[in-house]
Amino acid sequence: MRGTYALARVVVVRGAVARTLLWIGLVGAVAGLIVPSLTGVRRGLMIGAAAFVLFTLIGLLQRFRWYGGRAKAVEKAAFAVTLEPPAETRQRLARGHALWLVVGMSLTSALGLTAGPAAGMLVFGYGFGLFCATRLQARWERSHETLLWARTEDGRLLGRRSRIGAFAGTGPAAGQVRRPVVRGAGRVRRA
């Protein structure tokens, strides 16, 4: 990874995606409980509970080995990089996920008319599994005293694996940055 570029914490990016899915699922599940559905509330809850468990496991295990392999192969961050503060990463992704949030909430709420809370619980389960995966990754970072970073243009880190660049590593202190930190000489554009 040569040249000047910006890095965002992998845990923060994945956590932002998980929170978006949790909100979409929560709103969909509540709408499914409030609005009368074709399946009925009781059957919708039973289907939703099964979907929640299944998709929690999917969210937790999806790309588990891939992220583990990336973590083991991590290289030290290059000298001339910009470290994006976690607060800025969350704000940037919140703006980027706003449309997905509205569309997802509308869709899961609409599905509540037929499936009750099941659709919302499915999405909530997937988000919860992804959230648990980020907690496991944060635990790995603490035990190895290495923070994992990815290029900001790699987006949500859920796209095609071939389009996601290599991860970079820093020490634990880099996670406390409050404003963009430029490592190396010269001007670096903010992410």
N, C-alpha and C. Protein backbone atom coordinates (compact mmCIF):
# COMPACT_ATOMS: atom_id res chain seq x y z
N MET A 1 0.84 -1.19 0.00
CA MET A 1 0.00 0.00 0.00
C MET A 1 0.88 1.24 0.00
N ARG A 2 1.23 1.71 -1.17
CA ARG A 2 2.08 2.88 -1.28
C ARG A 2 1.27 4.10 -1.63
N GLY A 3 1.90 5.29 -1.45
CA GLY A 3 1.24 6.53 -1.80
C GLY A 3 0.49 7.13 -0.63
N THR A 4 -0.19 8.24 -0.91
CA THR A 4 -0.93 8.95 0.12
C THR A 4 -2.41 8.58 0.03
N TYR A 5 -3.00 8.16 1.12
CA TYR A 5 -4.39 7.75 1.14
C TYR A 5 -4.92 7.85 2.56
N ALA A 6 -6.25 7.74 2.70
CA ALA A 6 -6.90 7.83 4.01
C ALA A 6 -7.34 6.45 4.45
N LEU A 7 -7.27 6.23 5.77
CA LEU A 7 -7.65 4.94 6.35
C LEU A 7 -8.75 5.14 7.39
N ALA A 8 -9.67 4.19 7.44
CA ALA A 8 -10.73 4.18 8.45
C ALA A 8 -10.67 2.86 9.20
N ARG A 9 -11.03 2.88 10.48
CA ARG A 9 -11.03 1.66 11.28
C ARG A 9 -12.02 0.66 10.73
N VAL A 10 -11.59 -0.57 10.56
CA VAL A 10 -12.45 -1.63 10.04
C VAL A 10 -13.61 -1.90 11.00
N VAL A 11 -13.33 -1.94 12.29
CA VAL A 11 -14.36 -2.20 13.29
C VAL A 11 -15.44 -1.11 13.25
N VAL A 12 -15.04 0.13 13.08
CA VAL A 12 -15.99 1.24 13.05
C VAL A 12 -16.88 1.15 11.82
N VAL A 13 -16.28 0.84 10.67
CA VAL A 13 -17.05 0.72 9.43
C VAL A 13 -18.06 -0.42 9.54
N ARG A 14 -17.61 -1.58 9.98
CA ARG A 14 -18.52 -2.72 10.11
C ARG A 14 -19.59 -2.46 11.16
N GLY A 15 -19.23 -1.77 12.23
CA GLY A 15 -20.20 -1.43 13.26
C GLY A 15 -21.28 -0.48 12.75
N ALA A 16 -20.90 0.45 11.87
CA ALA A 16 -21.87 1.38 11.29
C ALA A 16 -22.87 0.64 10.41
N VAL A 17 -22.39 -0.34 9.66
CA VAL A 17 -23.29 -1.15 8.82
C VAL A 17 -24.23 -1.96 9.72
N ALA A 18 -23.69 -2.53 10.79
CA ALA A 18 -24.51 -3.32 11.71
C ALA A 18 -25.60 -2.47 12.34
N ARG A 19 -25.26 -1.25 12.77
CA ARG A 19 -26.25 -0.37 13.38
C ARG A 19 -27.36 0.00 12.40
N THR A 20 -26.99 0.23 11.15
CA THR A 20 -28.01 0.54 10.13
C THR A 20 -28.98 -0.62 9.99
N LEU A 21 -28.45 -1.85 9.92
CA LEU A 21 -29.32 -3.03 9.80
C LEU A 21 -30.17 -3.24 11.05
N LEU A 22 -29.61 -2.95 12.22
CA LEU A 22 -30.37 -3.09 13.46
C LEU A 22 -31.57 -2.14 13.48
N TRP A 23 -31.36 -0.90 13.06
CA TRP A 23 -32.46 0.07 13.02
C TRP A 23 -33.52 -0.33 12.01
N ILE A 24 -33.09 -0.78 10.83
CA ILE A 24 -34.04 -1.22 9.81
C ILE A 24 -34.87 -2.38 10.35
N GLY A 25 -34.20 -3.36 10.95
CA GLY A 25 -34.90 -4.52 11.48
C GLY A 25 -35.83 -4.18 12.63
N LEU A 26 -35.40 -3.30 13.52
CA LEU A 26 -36.22 -2.91 14.66
C LEU A 26 -37.51 -2.24 14.20
N VAL A 27 -37.38 -1.27 13.29
CA VAL A 27 -38.57 -0.57 12.78
C VAL A 27 -39.50 -1.55 12.06
N GLY A 28 -38.92 -2.45 11.25
CA GLY A 28 -39.74 -3.43 10.54
C GLY A 28 -40.46 -4.37 11.48
N ALA A 29 -39.77 -4.82 12.53
CA ALA A 29 -40.39 -5.75 13.48
C ALA A 29 -41.52 -5.07 14.26
N VAL A 30 -41.29 -3.84 14.70
CA VAL A 30 -42.33 -3.10 15.43
C VAL A 30 -43.53 -2.85 14.53
N ALA A 31 -43.27 -2.45 13.28
CA ALA A 31 -44.38 -2.24 12.33
C ALA A 31 -45.15 -3.53 12.10
N GLY A 32 -44.46 -4.65 12.03
CA GLY A 32 -45.12 -5.94 11.85
C GLY A 32 -45.97 -6.34 13.03
N LEU A 33 -45.60 -5.88 14.23
CA LEU A 33 -46.39 -6.17 15.43
C LEU A 33 -47.63 -5.29 15.50
N ILE A 34 -47.50 -4.05 15.02
CA ILE A 34 -48.60 -3.09 15.14
C ILE A 34 -49.65 -3.30 14.05
N VAL A 35 -49.19 -3.49 12.81
CA VAL A 35 -50.11 -3.61 11.67
C VAL A 35 -50.60 -5.05 11.54
N PRO A 36 -51.89 -5.26 11.37
CA PRO A 36 -52.40 -6.62 11.16
C PRO A 36 -51.80 -7.23 9.89
N SER A 37 -51.39 -8.50 9.97
CA SER A 37 -50.73 -9.15 8.84
C SER A 37 -51.48 -10.41 8.42
N LEU A 38 -51.12 -10.94 7.25
CA LEU A 38 -51.75 -12.16 6.75
C LEU A 38 -51.38 -13.37 7.59
N THR A 39 -50.15 -13.40 8.09
CA THR A 39 -49.71 -14.57 8.87
C THR A 39 -50.21 -14.52 10.31
N GLY A 40 -50.55 -13.34 10.78
CA GLY A 40 -50.92 -13.19 12.19
C GLY A 40 -49.68 -12.94 13.04
N VAL A 41 -49.89 -12.33 14.18
CA VAL A 41 -48.76 -11.94 15.03
C VAL A 41 -48.03 -13.17 15.59
N ARG A 42 -48.78 -14.14 16.07
CA ARG A 42 -48.14 -15.30 16.71
C ARG A 42 -47.27 -16.08 15.71
N ARG A 43 -47.85 -16.38 14.54
CA ARG A 43 -47.09 -17.11 13.53
C ARG A 43 -45.92 -16.28 13.02
N GLY A 44 -46.15 -14.97 12.85
CA GLY A 44 -45.07 -14.08 12.42
C GLY A 44 -43.92 -14.04 13.40
N LEU A 45 -44.26 -14.07 14.71
CA LEU A 45 -43.22 -14.10 15.73
C LEU A 45 -42.44 -15.41 15.71
N MET A 46 -43.12 -16.51 15.49
CA MET A 46 -42.44 -17.81 15.44
C MET A 46 -41.49 -17.88 14.24
N ILE A 47 -42.00 -17.46 13.08
CA ILE A 47 -41.14 -17.43 11.89
C ILE A 47 -39.99 -16.46 12.09
N GLY A 48 -40.31 -15.29 12.67
CA GLY A 48 -39.28 -14.27 12.92
C GLY A 48 -38.21 -14.74 13.88
N ALA A 49 -38.60 -15.50 14.92
CA ALA A 49 -37.62 -16.01 15.88
C ALA A 49 -36.65 -16.97 15.21
N ALA A 50 -37.19 -17.86 14.35
CA ALA A 50 -36.32 -18.78 13.62
C ALA A 50 -35.40 -18.03 12.67
N ALA A 51 -35.96 -17.03 11.97
CA ALA A 51 -35.16 -16.23 11.04
C ALA A 51 -34.09 -15.44 11.78
N PHE A 52 -34.45 -14.93 12.98
CA PHE A 52 -33.49 -14.17 13.79
C PHE A 52 -32.28 -15.03 14.14
N VAL A 53 -32.52 -16.24 14.62
CA VAL A 53 -31.42 -17.13 15.01
C VAL A 53 -30.56 -17.49 13.81
N LEU A 54 -31.21 -17.85 12.70
CA LEU A 54 -30.48 -18.26 11.50
C LEU A 54 -29.63 -17.11 10.97
N PHE A 55 -30.22 -15.92 10.85
CA PHE A 55 -29.49 -14.81 10.26
C PHE A 55 -28.50 -14.17 11.24
N THR A 56 -28.67 -14.39 12.53
CA THR A 56 -27.63 -13.98 13.48
C THR A 56 -26.38 -14.81 13.22
N LEU A 57 -26.55 -16.11 13.03
CA LEU A 57 -25.40 -16.98 12.72
C LEU A 57 -24.76 -16.60 11.39
N ILE A 58 -25.59 -16.29 10.39
CA ILE A 58 -25.05 -15.89 9.09
C ILE A 58 -24.26 -14.60 9.22
N GLY A 59 -24.82 -13.61 9.92
CA GLY A 59 -24.12 -12.34 10.11
C GLY A 59 -22.82 -12.51 10.89
N LEU A 60 -22.82 -13.41 11.85
CA LEU A 60 -21.63 -13.64 12.67
C LEU A 60 -20.54 -14.37 11.90
N LEU A 61 -20.93 -15.36 11.10
CA LEU A 61 -19.95 -16.21 10.43
C LEU A 61 -19.60 -15.77 9.02
N GLN A 62 -20.37 -14.85 8.45
CA GLN A 62 -20.08 -14.41 7.08
C GLN A 62 -18.69 -13.80 6.99
N ARG A 63 -17.89 -14.32 6.12
CA ARG A 63 -16.52 -13.86 5.89
C ARG A 63 -15.66 -13.90 7.15
N PHE A 64 -16.02 -14.75 8.09
CA PHE A 64 -15.26 -14.84 9.34
C PHE A 64 -13.82 -15.23 9.07
N ARG A 65 -13.64 -16.26 8.24
CA ARG A 65 -12.28 -16.71 7.91
C ARG A 65 -11.55 -15.68 7.06
N TRP A 66 -12.29 -15.01 6.18
CA TRP A 66 -11.68 -14.00 5.31
C TRP A 66 -11.12 -12.85 6.13
N TYR A 67 -11.93 -12.33 7.06
CA TYR A 67 -11.45 -11.25 7.93
C TYR A 67 -10.31 -11.73 8.83
N GLY A 68 -10.41 -12.98 9.30
CA GLY A 68 -9.33 -13.52 10.11
C GLY A 68 -8.02 -13.62 9.35
N GLY A 69 -8.11 -14.05 8.09
CA GLY A 69 -6.91 -14.11 7.23
C GLY A 69 -6.34 -12.74 6.97
N ARG A 70 -7.22 -11.76 6.73
CA ARG A 70 -6.75 -10.38 6.52
C ARG A 70 -6.07 -9.84 7.77
N ALA A 71 -6.61 -10.17 8.92
CA ALA A 71 -6.02 -9.70 10.18
C ALA A 71 -4.63 -10.29 10.39
N LYS A 72 -4.47 -11.57 10.07
CA LYS A 72 -3.16 -12.21 10.26
C LYS A 72 -2.12 -11.69 9.28
N ALA A 73 -2.58 -11.29 8.08
CA ALA A 73 -1.65 -10.83 7.04
C ALA A 73 -1.47 -9.31 7.04
N VAL A 74 -1.95 -8.64 8.08
CA VAL A 74 -1.92 -7.18 8.10
C VAL A 74 -0.48 -6.66 8.11
N GLU A 75 -0.26 -5.58 7.38
CA GLU A 75 1.05 -4.93 7.35
C GLU A 75 0.95 -3.58 8.05
N LYS A 76 2.07 -3.12 8.54
CA LYS A 76 2.10 -1.83 9.23
C LYS A 76 1.69 -0.73 8.26
N ALA A 77 0.91 0.23 8.76
CA ALA A 77 0.44 1.33 7.92
C ALA A 77 1.63 2.10 7.35
N ALA A 78 1.50 2.52 6.11
CA ALA A 78 2.57 3.27 5.45
C ALA A 78 2.80 4.59 6.16
N PHE A 79 3.93 5.22 5.82
CA PHE A 79 4.31 6.45 6.51
C PHE A 79 3.38 7.61 6.17
N ALA A 80 2.98 7.74 4.91
CA ALA A 80 2.16 8.88 4.48
C ALA A 80 0.71 8.47 4.32
N VAL A 81 -0.02 8.39 5.43
CA VAL A 81 -1.45 8.09 5.38
C VAL A 81 -2.19 9.06 6.30
N THR A 82 -3.50 9.20 6.05
CA THR A 82 -4.36 9.97 6.93
C THR A 82 -5.23 8.99 7.70
N LEU A 83 -5.21 9.10 9.02
CA LEU A 83 -6.06 8.25 9.85
C LEU A 83 -7.35 9.01 10.15
N GLU A 84 -8.46 8.47 9.69
CA GLU A 84 -9.76 9.13 9.90
C GLU A 84 -10.27 8.81 11.30
N PRO A 85 -10.63 9.84 12.09
CA PRO A 85 -11.16 9.58 13.43
C PRO A 85 -12.45 8.76 13.37
N PRO A 86 -12.68 7.91 14.36
CA PRO A 86 -13.90 7.10 14.37
C PRO A 86 -15.18 7.94 14.27
N ALA A 87 -15.23 9.08 14.94
CA ALA A 87 -16.43 9.93 14.89
C ALA A 87 -16.71 10.40 13.47
N GLU A 88 -15.65 10.77 12.74
CA GLU A 88 -15.82 11.20 11.35
C GLU A 88 -16.26 10.05 10.47
N THR A 89 -15.71 8.87 10.71
CA THR A 89 -16.10 7.69 9.94
C THR A 89 -17.59 7.42 10.13
N ARG A 90 -18.05 7.47 11.39
CA ARG A 90 -19.47 7.22 11.66
C ARG A 90 -20.35 8.26 10.99
N GLN A 91 -19.95 9.54 11.05
CA GLN A 91 -20.74 10.59 10.40
C GLN A 91 -20.78 10.40 8.89
N ARG A 92 -19.65 10.10 8.29
CA ARG A 92 -19.58 9.90 6.84
C ARG A 92 -20.46 8.74 6.41
N LEU A 93 -20.40 7.64 7.16
CA LEU A 93 -21.20 6.47 6.80
C LEU A 93 -22.68 6.68 7.10
N ALA A 94 -23.00 7.45 8.15
CA ALA A 94 -24.40 7.76 8.45
C ALA A 94 -25.03 8.53 7.29
N ARG A 95 -24.29 9.48 6.73
CA ARG A 95 -24.79 10.21 5.56
C ARG A 95 -24.94 9.27 4.37
N GLY A 96 -23.95 8.39 4.19
CA GLY A 96 -24.00 7.45 3.08
C GLY A 96 -25.08 6.39 3.20
N HIS A 97 -25.46 6.06 4.45
CA HIS A 97 -26.46 5.01 4.68
C HIS A 97 -27.87 5.56 4.83
N ALA A 98 -28.03 6.89 4.77
CA ALA A 98 -29.35 7.50 5.03
C ALA A 98 -30.41 6.96 4.07
N LEU A 99 -30.09 6.90 2.80
CA LEU A 99 -31.06 6.40 1.82
C LEU A 99 -31.38 4.94 2.06
N TRP A 100 -30.34 4.13 2.34
CA TRP A 100 -30.56 2.71 2.63
C TRP A 100 -31.44 2.53 3.86
N LEU A 101 -31.26 3.41 4.84
CA LEU A 101 -32.04 3.34 6.07
C LEU A 101 -33.52 3.58 5.77
N VAL A 102 -33.81 4.62 5.00
CA VAL A 102 -35.20 4.95 4.67
C VAL A 102 -35.83 3.85 3.82
N VAL A 103 -35.11 3.41 2.78
CA VAL A 103 -35.64 2.36 1.90
C VAL A 103 -35.84 1.06 2.67
N GLY A 104 -34.85 0.69 3.49
CA GLY A 104 -34.95 -0.55 4.26
C GLY A 104 -36.08 -0.53 5.26
N MET A 105 -36.24 0.59 5.96
CA MET A 105 -37.35 0.70 6.93
C MET A 105 -38.70 0.61 6.22
N SER A 106 -38.80 1.29 5.08
CA SER A 106 -40.05 1.25 4.32
C SER A 106 -40.36 -0.16 3.83
N LEU A 107 -39.34 -0.84 3.33
CA LEU A 107 -39.54 -2.19 2.79
C LEU A 107 -39.91 -3.19 3.87
N THR A 108 -39.19 -3.18 4.99
CA THR A 108 -39.50 -4.14 6.06
C THR A 108 -40.85 -3.83 6.70
N SER A 109 -41.20 -2.53 6.76
CA SER A 109 -42.53 -2.17 7.28
C SER A 109 -43.62 -2.65 6.35
N ALA A 110 -43.40 -2.52 5.03
CA ALA A 110 -44.38 -3.00 4.05
C ALA A 110 -44.51 -4.51 4.11
N LEU A 111 -43.39 -5.20 4.30
CA LEU A 111 -43.43 -6.67 4.41
C LEU A 111 -44.16 -7.11 5.67
N GLY A 112 -44.26 -6.21 6.65
CA GLY A 112 -45.01 -6.52 7.86
C GLY A 112 -46.47 -6.79 7.60
N LEU A 113 -47.00 -6.28 6.47
CA LEU A 113 -48.39 -6.53 6.12
C LEU A 113 -48.64 -8.00 5.79
N THR A 114 -47.64 -8.67 5.26
CA THR A 114 -47.80 -10.09 4.91
C THR A 114 -47.14 -11.02 5.92
N ALA A 115 -45.93 -10.68 6.36
CA ALA A 115 -45.16 -11.61 7.21
C ALA A 115 -45.14 -11.21 8.68
N GLY A 116 -45.84 -10.17 9.04
CA GLY A 116 -45.80 -9.72 10.43
C GLY A 116 -44.40 -9.23 10.78
N PRO A 117 -43.92 -9.51 11.98
CA PRO A 117 -42.59 -9.03 12.38
C PRO A 117 -41.43 -9.87 11.83
N ALA A 118 -41.73 -10.91 11.05
CA ALA A 118 -40.69 -11.86 10.61
C ALA A 118 -39.60 -11.18 9.79
N ALA A 119 -39.98 -10.34 8.82
CA ALA A 119 -38.99 -9.68 7.96
C ALA A 119 -38.08 -8.77 8.77
N GLY A 120 -38.68 -8.01 9.67
CA GLY A 120 -37.88 -7.12 10.51
C GLY A 120 -36.94 -7.89 11.43
N MET A 121 -37.42 -9.00 11.98
CA MET A 121 -36.59 -9.81 12.86
C MET A 121 -35.44 -10.47 12.09
N LEU A 122 -35.68 -10.81 10.84
CA LEU A 122 -34.63 -11.39 9.99
C LEU A 122 -33.51 -10.38 9.80
N VAL A 123 -33.87 -9.15 9.42
CA VAL A 123 -32.86 -8.10 9.21
C VAL A 123 -32.17 -7.76 10.52
N PHE A 124 -32.95 -7.69 11.60
CA PHE A 124 -32.37 -7.39 12.92
C PHE A 124 -31.38 -8.48 13.31
N GLY A 125 -31.72 -9.74 13.04
CA GLY A 125 -30.81 -10.84 13.37
C GLY A 125 -29.50 -10.75 12.60
N TYR A 126 -29.59 -10.41 11.31
CA TYR A 126 -28.37 -10.27 10.51
C TYR A 126 -27.50 -9.13 11.04
N GLY A 127 -28.13 -8.00 11.37
CA GLY A 127 -27.39 -6.87 11.94
C GLY A 127 -26.78 -7.22 13.28
N PHE A 128 -27.52 -7.99 14.10
CA PHE A 128 -27.00 -8.39 15.41
C PHE A 128 -25.81 -9.32 15.26
N GLY A 129 -25.89 -10.24 14.30
CA GLY A 129 -24.75 -11.13 14.04
C GLY A 129 -23.53 -10.37 13.59
N LEU A 130 -23.74 -9.39 12.72
CA LEU A 130 -22.64 -8.56 12.25
C LEU A 130 -22.05 -7.73 13.38
N PHE A 131 -22.93 -7.23 14.26
CA PHE A 131 -22.47 -6.47 15.42
C PHE A 131 -21.62 -7.36 16.33
N CYS A 132 -22.05 -8.60 16.56
CA CYS A 132 -21.26 -9.53 17.38
C CYS A 132 -19.91 -9.82 16.73
N ALA A 133 -19.89 -9.92 15.40
CA ALA A 133 -18.63 -10.15 14.69
C ALA A 133 -17.67 -8.99 14.88
N THR A 134 -18.19 -7.76 14.90
CA THR A 134 -17.32 -6.60 15.13
C THR A 134 -16.77 -6.60 16.56
N ARG A 135 -17.59 -7.07 17.52
CA ARG A 135 -17.10 -7.15 18.90
C ARG A 135 -15.97 -8.18 19.00
N LEU A 136 -16.10 -9.29 18.29
CA LEU A 136 -15.03 -10.30 18.29
C LEU A 136 -13.77 -9.74 17.64
N GLN A 137 -13.95 -8.97 16.59
CA GLN A 137 -12.80 -8.36 15.93
C GLN A 137 -12.11 -7.35 16.85
N ALA A 138 -12.91 -6.55 17.56
CA ALA A 138 -12.34 -5.59 18.51
C ALA A 138 -11.58 -6.32 19.63
N ARG A 139 -12.09 -7.46 20.03
CA ARG A 139 -11.40 -8.27 21.05
C ARG A 139 -10.05 -8.76 20.51
N TRP A 140 -10.04 -9.20 19.23
CA TRP A 140 -8.79 -9.63 18.60
C TRP A 140 -7.80 -8.47 18.58
N GLU A 141 -8.27 -7.28 18.24
CA GLU A 141 -7.39 -6.11 18.19
C GLU A 141 -6.77 -5.83 19.55
N ARG A 142 -7.58 -5.92 20.60
CA ARG A 142 -7.04 -5.67 21.95
C ARG A 142 -6.01 -6.72 22.34
N SER A 143 -6.30 -7.98 22.05
CA SER A 143 -5.36 -9.04 22.45
C SER A 143 -4.06 -8.99 21.66
N HIS A 144 -4.12 -8.52 20.40
CA HIS A 144 -2.92 -8.43 19.57
C HIS A 144 -2.31 -7.02 19.56
N GLU A 145 -2.97 -6.08 20.26
CA GLU A 145 -2.52 -4.69 20.31
C GLU A 145 -2.26 -4.13 18.91
N THR A 146 -3.17 -4.43 18.00
CA THR A 146 -3.08 -3.98 16.61
C THR A 146 -4.46 -3.56 16.14
N LEU A 147 -4.58 -2.33 15.69
CA LEU A 147 -5.84 -1.85 15.12
C LEU A 147 -5.82 -2.07 13.61
N LEU A 148 -6.93 -2.55 13.08
CA LEU A 148 -7.04 -2.82 11.65
C LEU A 148 -7.69 -1.62 10.95
N TRP A 149 -7.09 -1.21 9.84
CA TRP A 149 -7.57 -0.07 9.07
C TRP A 149 -7.73 -0.48 7.62
N ALA A 150 -8.70 0.14 6.94
CA ALA A 150 -8.91 -0.08 5.51
C ALA A 150 -9.05 1.27 4.84
N ARG A 151 -8.80 1.31 3.55
CA ARG A 151 -8.95 2.56 2.81
C ARG A 151 -10.40 3.03 2.88
N THR A 152 -10.58 4.34 2.98
CA THR A 152 -11.93 4.89 3.09
C THR A 152 -12.76 4.60 1.85
N GLU A 153 -12.12 4.49 0.69
CA GLU A 153 -12.88 4.22 -0.54
C GLU A 153 -13.34 2.78 -0.65
N ASP A 154 -12.92 1.93 0.29
CA ASP A 154 -13.38 0.54 0.27
C ASP A 154 -14.82 0.42 0.78
N GLY A 155 -15.43 1.55 1.12
CA GLY A 155 -16.85 1.59 1.42
C GLY A 155 -17.24 0.82 2.66
N ARG A 156 -18.26 0.01 2.54
CA ARG A 156 -18.85 -0.66 3.70
C ARG A 156 -18.15 -1.96 4.06
N LEU A 157 -17.14 -2.34 3.29
CA LEU A 157 -16.41 -3.59 3.52
C LEU A 157 -17.33 -4.81 3.41
N LEU A 158 -18.41 -4.65 2.68
CA LEU A 158 -19.31 -5.78 2.43
C LEU A 158 -19.44 -6.04 0.94
N GLY A 159 -18.70 -5.28 0.15
CA GLY A 159 -18.77 -5.44 -1.29
C GLY A 159 -17.98 -6.66 -1.74
N ARG A 160 -17.66 -6.69 -3.02
CA ARG A 160 -16.89 -7.81 -3.55
C ARG A 160 -15.50 -7.82 -2.94
N ARG A 161 -15.09 -8.99 -2.49
CA ARG A 161 -13.80 -9.10 -1.80
C ARG A 161 -12.64 -8.67 -2.68
N SER A 162 -12.76 -8.89 -3.97
CA SER A 162 -11.66 -8.54 -4.88
C SER A 162 -11.45 -7.03 -4.97
N ARG A 163 -12.46 -6.26 -4.60
CA ARG A 163 -12.36 -4.80 -4.68
C ARG A 163 -11.87 -4.16 -3.37
N ILE A 164 -11.71 -4.96 -2.34
CA ILE A 164 -11.28 -4.43 -1.05
C ILE A 164 -9.77 -4.61 -0.93
N GLY A 165 -9.08 -3.50 -0.68
CA GLY A 165 -7.63 -3.53 -0.59
C GLY A 165 -7.16 -4.20 0.70
N ALA A 166 -5.85 -4.33 0.81
CA ALA A 166 -5.26 -4.94 2.00
C ALA A 166 -5.49 -4.05 3.22
N PHE A 167 -5.57 -4.67 4.38
CA PHE A 167 -5.71 -3.92 5.63
C PHE A 167 -4.34 -3.44 6.09
N ALA A 168 -4.36 -2.34 6.81
CA ALA A 168 -3.13 -1.81 7.42
C ALA A 168 -3.30 -1.87 8.94
N GLY A 169 -2.18 -1.94 9.64
CA GLY A 169 -2.22 -2.03 11.09
C GLY A 169 -1.48 -0.90 11.76
N THR A 170 -1.99 -0.49 12.91
CA THR A 170 -1.31 0.52 13.74
C THR A 170 -1.36 0.05 15.19
N GLY A 171 -0.71 0.78 16.05
CA GLY A 171 -0.78 0.50 17.47
C GLY A 171 -2.11 0.97 18.05
N PRO A 172 -2.43 0.56 19.28
CA PRO A 172 -3.72 0.90 19.89
C PRO A 172 -3.96 2.39 20.07
N ALA A 173 -2.90 3.18 20.25
CA ALA A 173 -3.06 4.62 20.48
C ALA A 173 -3.70 5.33 19.30
N ALA A 174 -3.55 4.80 18.11
CA ALA A 174 -4.10 5.45 16.91
C ALA A 174 -5.63 5.46 16.93
N GLY A 175 -6.25 4.61 17.70
CA GLY A 175 -7.71 4.57 17.77
C GLY A 175 -8.31 5.71 18.55
N GLN A 176 -7.47 6.50 19.23
CA GLN A 176 -7.96 7.61 20.04
C GLN A 176 -7.94 8.95 19.31
N VAL A 177 -7.65 8.94 18.01
CA VAL A 177 -7.54 10.21 17.29
C VAL A 177 -8.87 10.93 17.29
N ARG A 178 -8.81 12.27 17.43
CA ARG A 178 -10.02 13.10 17.46
C ARG A 178 -10.20 13.89 16.18
N ARG A 179 -9.12 14.11 15.44
CA ARG A 179 -9.18 14.79 14.15
C ARG A 179 -8.22 14.07 13.21
N PRO A 180 -8.39 14.26 11.89
CA PRO A 180 -7.54 13.50 10.96
C PRO A 180 -6.05 13.66 11.27
N VAL A 181 -5.38 12.54 11.38
CA VAL A 181 -3.95 12.54 11.66
C VAL A 181 -3.22 12.19 10.37
N VAL A 182 -2.31 13.07 10.00
CA VAL A 182 -1.52 12.84 8.80
C VAL A 182 -0.16 12.32 9.23
N ARG A 183 0.14 11.12 8.82
CA ARG A 183 1.45 10.56 9.12
C ARG A 183 2.34 10.84 7.93
N GLY A 184 3.52 11.35 8.17
CA GLY A 184 4.42 11.67 7.08
C GLY A 184 4.38 13.14 6.74
N ALA A 185 5.28 13.58 5.87
CA ALA A 185 5.40 14.99 5.54
C ALA A 185 4.46 15.32 4.38
N GLY A 186 4.21 16.61 4.21
CA GLY A 186 3.41 17.07 3.09
C GLY A 186 1.93 17.11 3.42
N ARG A 187 1.16 17.71 2.53
CA ARG A 187 -0.27 17.84 2.74
C ARG A 187 -0.99 16.59 2.24
N VAL A 188 -1.98 16.19 2.99
CA VAL A 188 -2.79 15.04 2.61
C VAL A 188 -4.24 15.48 2.65
N ARG A 189 -4.99 15.19 1.63
CA ARG A 189 -6.39 15.55 1.60
C ARG A 189 -7.15 14.75 2.65
N ARG A 190 -8.13 15.42 3.24
CA ARG A 190 -8.99 14.73 4.20
C ARG A 190 -9.91 13.78 3.47
N ALA A 191 -10.24 12.67 4.17
CA ALA A 191 -11.12 11.66 3.54
C ALA A 191 -12.54 12.21 3.47
